[in-house]
Protein backbone atom coordinates (compact mmCIF):
# COMPACT_ATOMS: atom_id res chain seq x y z
CA MET A 1 95.84 80.17 166.22
CA LEU A 2 92.91 82.33 167.39
CA ALA A 3 92.09 79.17 169.12
CA ALA A 4 95.18 79.44 171.03
CA ILE A 5 95.19 82.77 171.94
CA ASP A 6 91.84 82.35 173.23
CA ARG A 7 92.91 79.61 175.12
CA LEU A 8 96.03 82.40 176.63
CA SER A 9 93.42 85.11 177.91
CA VAL A 10 92.05 83.13 180.08
CA LEU A 11 93.03 85.15 183.54
CA SER A 12 91.63 84.24 187.08
CA LEU A 13 92.97 86.61 189.47
CA PRO A 14 95.12 86.04 192.47
CA THR A 15 91.98 86.40 194.76
CA GLU A 16 89.99 84.15 192.51
CA ALA A 17 91.85 81.29 192.03
CA THR A 18 93.06 80.90 195.74
CA PRO A 19 89.68 82.65 197.68
CA GLU A 20 91.64 81.76 200.88
CA ILE A 21 94.26 84.24 200.08
CA ARG A 22 91.50 87.26 201.32
CA GLU A 23 91.28 85.52 204.60
CA ARG A 24 94.24 84.78 205.11
CA LEU A 25 95.31 88.66 205.09
CA ALA A 26 92.07 89.49 206.97
CA GLU A 27 93.57 87.33 209.64
CA LEU A 28 97.32 88.77 209.10
CA ASN A 29 95.96 92.15 209.82
CA THR A 30 93.97 90.78 212.89
CA LEU A 31 97.18 89.49 214.46
CA TRP A 32 99.92 90.83 213.79
CA THR A 33 99.54 92.97 217.26
CA SER A 34 101.74 91.81 220.21
CA ALA A 35 99.78 90.36 223.45
CA PRO A 36 99.59 93.21 225.86
CA ALA A 37 101.75 93.30 229.41
CA ALA A 38 100.36 90.29 232.10
CA ALA A 39 98.50 92.94 234.99
CA ALA A 40 98.93 90.02 238.00
CA GLY A 41 99.63 90.59 241.92
CA GLY A 42 102.09 89.41 244.29
CA VAL A 43 105.63 87.94 243.40
CA THR A 44 104.69 85.91 240.32
CA GLY A 45 103.29 89.94 238.52
CA VAL A 46 106.82 91.36 240.29
CA ILE A 47 108.69 88.81 237.81
CA ARG A 48 106.69 88.72 234.76
CA ARG A 49 106.21 92.19 234.62
CA GLN A 50 110.35 92.29 235.00
CA ALA A 51 110.66 89.89 232.08
CA TRP A 52 108.19 91.54 230.15
CA ASN A 53 110.04 94.58 230.62
CA ALA A 54 113.54 93.09 229.78
CA MET A 55 111.35 91.78 226.74
CA ALA A 56 109.36 94.51 226.16
CA PRO A 57 112.77 95.82 223.46
CA ALA A 58 112.69 93.19 221.22
CA ILE A 59 108.62 92.91 220.80
CA GLU A 60 107.94 96.01 220.05
CA ARG A 61 110.76 95.67 217.18
CA GLN A 62 108.70 92.63 216.41
CA GLN A 63 104.88 94.48 215.94
CA ALA A 64 106.75 97.21 214.15
CA PHE A 65 108.13 94.06 212.46
CA ASN A 66 104.38 92.46 211.68
CA SER A 67 102.80 96.00 210.79
CA SER A 68 105.36 96.62 207.81
CA LEU A 69 105.17 93.27 206.67
CA VAL A 70 101.42 93.31 206.79
CA GLN A 71 101.04 96.54 205.17
CA LEU A 72 103.26 95.05 202.51
CA LEU A 73 101.48 92.31 202.11
CA ASN A 74 98.39 94.32 201.42
CA ALA A 75 99.31 96.73 198.76
CA TYR A 76 101.27 93.68 196.65
CA VAL A 77 97.71 91.57 196.87
CA THR A 78 95.76 95.36 195.75
CA GLN A 79 98.75 95.75 193.33
CA ALA A 80 98.52 92.26 192.14
CA GLU A 81 95.18 92.17 191.40
CA VAL A 82 94.96 95.39 190.01
CA LEU A 83 98.16 94.12 187.29
CA HIS A 84 96.42 90.60 186.77
CA ALA A 85 92.10 92.59 185.86
CA ARG A 86 94.31 94.66 183.68
CA LEU A 87 95.95 92.01 181.95
CA ARG A 88 93.11 90.23 181.83
CA GLU A 89 91.30 93.27 180.20
CA LEU A 90 94.79 93.27 177.61
CA ALA A 91 94.47 89.64 176.79
CA SER A 92 90.30 90.39 175.90
CA ALA A 93 91.53 93.21 173.92
CA LEU A 94 93.82 90.69 172.25
CA VAL A 95 91.18 88.41 171.22
CA ARG A 96 88.72 91.12 169.91
CA TYR A 97 91.35 92.40 167.54
CA ALA A 98 92.28 88.72 166.63
CA GLN A 99 88.40 88.04 165.98
CA ARG A 100 88.49 91.29 163.76
CA VAL A 101 92.13 91.27 162.32
CA GLU A 102 91.54 86.88 161.07
CA PRO A 103 88.93 87.06 158.51
CA VAL A 104 90.36 90.45 156.58
CA VAL A 105 93.58 88.42 156.61
CA ASP A 106 91.90 85.29 155.57
CA ALA A 107 90.74 87.45 152.64
CA ARG A 108 94.18 88.76 151.46
CA ASP A 109 94.73 85.34 151.31
CA ARG A 110 92.52 83.76 149.64
CA VAL A 111 93.00 87.23 146.74
CA ALA A 112 96.91 86.61 147.19
CA THR A 113 96.05 82.57 146.03
CA ALA A 114 94.12 84.31 143.18
CA LEU A 115 96.24 86.60 141.83
CA ALA A 116 99.18 83.33 141.76
CA THR A 117 97.43 81.99 139.94
CA THR A 118 95.80 84.34 137.12
CA ARG A 119 100.21 85.65 137.46
CA SER A 120 100.82 81.74 136.88
CA GLU A 121 98.80 81.35 133.90
CA LEU A 122 100.12 84.85 132.50
CA LEU A 123 103.92 84.01 132.07
CA LEU A 124 102.71 80.19 130.94
CA GLU A 125 100.97 82.50 128.21
CA ALA A 126 104.07 84.71 127.57
CA PHE A 127 106.80 81.77 127.46
CA ASP A 128 103.99 79.87 125.27
CA ARG A 129 104.02 83.14 122.85
CA ARG A 130 107.95 83.32 123.09
CA LEU A 131 108.57 79.31 121.95
CA GLU A 132 105.97 80.41 118.98
CA SER A 133 108.18 83.25 118.42
CA LEU A 134 111.30 81.60 118.52
CA GLY A 135 109.96 77.82 116.32
CA ARG A 136 109.35 80.64 113.85
CA ARG A 137 112.64 81.90 113.67
CA LEU A 138 114.41 78.71 114.26
CA GLU A 139 112.09 77.81 111.37
CA ALA A 140 112.88 80.62 108.93
CA LEU A 141 116.85 80.38 109.99
CA SER A 142 116.42 76.31 108.61
CA GLY A 143 114.34 77.11 105.56
CA GLY A 144 116.91 79.40 104.48
CA ALA A 145 119.86 77.39 104.97
CA ARG A 146 117.88 74.94 103.68
CA ALA A 147 117.24 77.43 100.16
CA SER A 148 121.54 78.24 100.33
CA ALA A 149 122.07 74.42 99.95
CA ALA A 150 120.27 73.78 97.23
CA PRO A 151 122.16 74.41 93.83
CA SER A 152 120.56 77.49 91.66
CA ASP A 153 121.62 75.73 88.02
CA GLY A 154 119.25 72.93 89.51
CA THR A 155 122.06 70.07 89.48
CA LYS A 156 122.95 68.37 91.96
CA ARG A 157 126.15 68.61 94.60
CA GLY A 158 127.78 65.17 95.52
């Protein structure tokens, strides 16, 4: 039982098991912003600025979404690490407790087994005494029946 608890108590933090989580999170933290508007002159620049201005609300909305999502991921990863660290501490405490309790439980089992043997022997002795007592009573009853069956004048019945 203790070995099973020990095996189950091995917990890895998400960033320990998958180190690229921190790398990808750092990358997301730098990539969430949108590119700035292109500054170009001439007719091409005017067309680009008009296209940018037409797309600006959607781009700003996407940037706000990206920002919220990256903040959420940062908070979630941080909380997941805290939770996993607490679970690791809890599992470790359970293993230590089980290691401390197991010898006591084993000792109690040994004492209970010894007491069960002693109790069984006492019960058998009590049954033996009772059987002897019943045997004596039976002999007394059958002896009395034989005495009353014999004639008192010494003649045989028949």
